[in-house]
Protein backbone atom coordinates (compact mmCIF):
# COMPACT_ATOMS: atom_id res chain seq x y z
CA MET A 1 -2.13 -20.38 93.66
CA ASN A 2 -4.32 -17.40 93.34
CA GLU A 3 -1.77 -15.90 91.08
CA GLN A 4 -1.77 -18.96 88.83
CA ARG A 5 -5.59 -18.89 88.56
CA SER A 6 -5.48 -15.27 87.55
CA GLU A 7 -2.82 -16.06 85.00
CA ASN A 8 -4.88 -18.96 83.59
CA ARG A 9 -7.99 -16.78 83.48
CA VAL A 10 -6.08 -14.05 81.64
CA ARG A 11 -4.80 -16.63 79.13
CA ARG A 12 -8.33 -18.01 78.60
CA ASP A 13 -9.76 -14.54 78.22
CA ALA A 14 -6.98 -13.59 75.79
CA ALA A 15 -7.60 -16.77 73.77
CA ARG A 16 -11.34 -16.05 73.74
CA VAL A 17 -10.77 -12.44 72.68
CA LYS A 18 -8.35 -13.62 69.96
CA LYS A 19 -10.94 -16.13 68.73
CA ASP A 20 -13.71 -13.50 68.78
CA ILE A 21 -11.55 -11.01 66.87
CA GLY A 22 -10.72 -13.71 64.30
CA THR A 23 -14.42 -14.51 63.89
CA LEU A 24 -15.26 -10.81 63.58
CA VAL A 25 -12.60 -10.31 60.92
CA GLU A 26 -13.75 -13.38 58.97
CA ASP A 27 -17.37 -12.19 59.09
CA SER A 28 -16.37 -8.70 57.96
CA VAL A 29 -14.32 -10.05 55.08
CA SER A 30 -17.19 -12.33 54.11
CA HIS A 31 -19.61 -9.40 54.08
CA VAL A 32 -17.20 -7.29 52.03
CA ASP A 33 -16.72 -10.14 49.53
CA GLN A 34 -20.47 -10.60 49.25
CA GLY A 35 -20.96 -6.85 48.69
CA ILE A 36 -18.27 -6.80 45.99
CA GLU A 37 -19.85 -9.79 44.23
CA GLU A 38 -23.25 -8.09 44.28
CA MET A 39 -21.81 -4.84 42.94
CA THR A 40 -19.91 -6.57 40.12
CA SER A 41 -22.94 -8.62 39.08
CA ASP A 42 -25.11 -5.47 39.14
CA THR A 43 -22.47 -3.60 37.13
CA LYS A 44 -22.18 -6.40 34.58
CA GLU A 45 -25.95 -6.50 34.18
CA SER A 46 -26.12 -2.71 33.78
CA VAL A 47 -23.36 -2.72 31.16
CA VAL A 48 -25.03 -5.53 29.21
CA ASN A 49 -28.37 -3.73 29.29
CA ALA A 50 -26.78 -0.42 28.25
CA ALA A 51 -24.93 -2.10 25.38
CA ALA A 52 -28.12 -3.75 24.15
CA THR A 53 -29.97 -0.43 24.28
CA VAL A 54 -27.20 1.39 22.42
CA LYS A 55 -27.05 -1.36 19.79
CA LYS A 56 -30.80 -1.16 19.28
CA ASP A 57 -30.78 2.65 19.08
CA VAL A 58 -27.84 2.71 16.66
CA GLY A 59 -29.50 0.08 14.47
CA HIS A 60 -32.71 2.10 14.41
CA GLY A 61 -30.79 5.29 13.54
CA ILE A 62 -28.90 3.55 10.74
CA LYS A 63 -32.13 2.19 9.29
CA ARG A 64 -33.67 5.68 9.33
CA PHE A 65 -30.56 7.17 7.71
CA ASN A 66 -30.48 4.50 5.00
CA THR A 67 -34.17 5.01 4.24
CA LYS A 68 -33.75 8.78 3.99
CA ALA A 69 -30.61 8.46 1.85
CA GLN A 70 -32.37 6.04 -0.48
CA GLU A 71 -35.34 8.40 -0.83
CA MET A 72 -33.03 11.33 -1.65
CA ALA A 73 -31.00 9.24 -4.11
CA ASN A 74 -34.13 8.09 -5.87
CA GLN A 75 -35.48 11.62 -6.04
CA TYR A 76 -32.36 13.50 -7.17
CA LEU A 77 -30.37 10.88 -9.04
CA GLY A 78 -33.47 9.74 -10.86
CA ASN A 79 -34.03 13.28 -12.11
CA ILE A 80 -30.38 13.58 -13.19
CA GLY A 81 -30.61 10.32 -15.10
CA LYS A 82 -33.74 11.49 -16.91
CA LYS A 83 -32.18 14.83 -17.87
CA ALA A 84 -28.95 13.13 -18.98
CA THR A 85 -30.85 10.87 -21.33
CA LYS A 86 -32.87 13.83 -22.60
CA TYR A 87 -29.75 16.00 -23.24
CA PRO A 88 -26.82 13.59 -23.76
CA TRP A 89 -24.39 16.13 -25.32
CA VAL A 90 -24.83 18.52 -22.41
CA SER A 91 -24.14 15.69 -19.98
CA ILE A 92 -21.02 14.61 -21.84
CA SER A 93 -19.76 18.22 -21.95
CA ILE A 94 -20.32 18.68 -18.19
CA VAL A 95 -18.50 15.44 -17.40
CA LEU A 96 -15.55 16.43 -19.62
CA VAL A 97 -15.23 19.85 -17.99
CA LEU A 98 -15.40 18.32 -14.52
CA GLY A 99 -12.77 15.75 -15.54
CA PHE A 100 -10.37 18.45 -16.78
CA LEU A 101 -10.93 20.52 -13.61
CA LEU A 102 -10.28 17.56 -11.33
CA GLY A 103 -7.26 16.55 -13.39
CA SER A 104 -5.73 20.01 -13.11
CA LEU A 105 -6.40 20.19 -9.37
CA ILE A 106 -5.07 16.73 -8.58
CA LYS A 107 -2.07 16.75 -10.93
CA PRO A 108 0.93 18.72 -9.65
CA ALA A 109 1.94 21.81 -11.62
CA ARG A 110 4.33 21.06 -14.47
CA GLN A 111 7.78 22.53 -14.45
CA PRO A 112 8.80 24.22 -17.71
CA LEU A 113 11.47 22.28 -19.60
CA GLY A 114 14.77 23.93 -20.15
């Protein structure tokens, strides 16, 4: 009889330990899942914020570049246009020379016939 009580007690203790281990594992998994969810939401938020900052900075840089390019174009191209209208034959001559130079550079060398 004593032996049977000990056996029953061992079975109850084993069942209790099994239940406690199961609860411990479930709690641990739950904590890990919660930690992963927090990390992914933090990561998503950080990526979204970084993308917005980069977009804003790039937009600002492009605006500055466009403004500077427009200023330079107005300054230099405006002067070229004025000089071209003042000296039209010089402008035409320069354009013809540049056209012949580009044509000779781009066109492959001709083979002599014969």
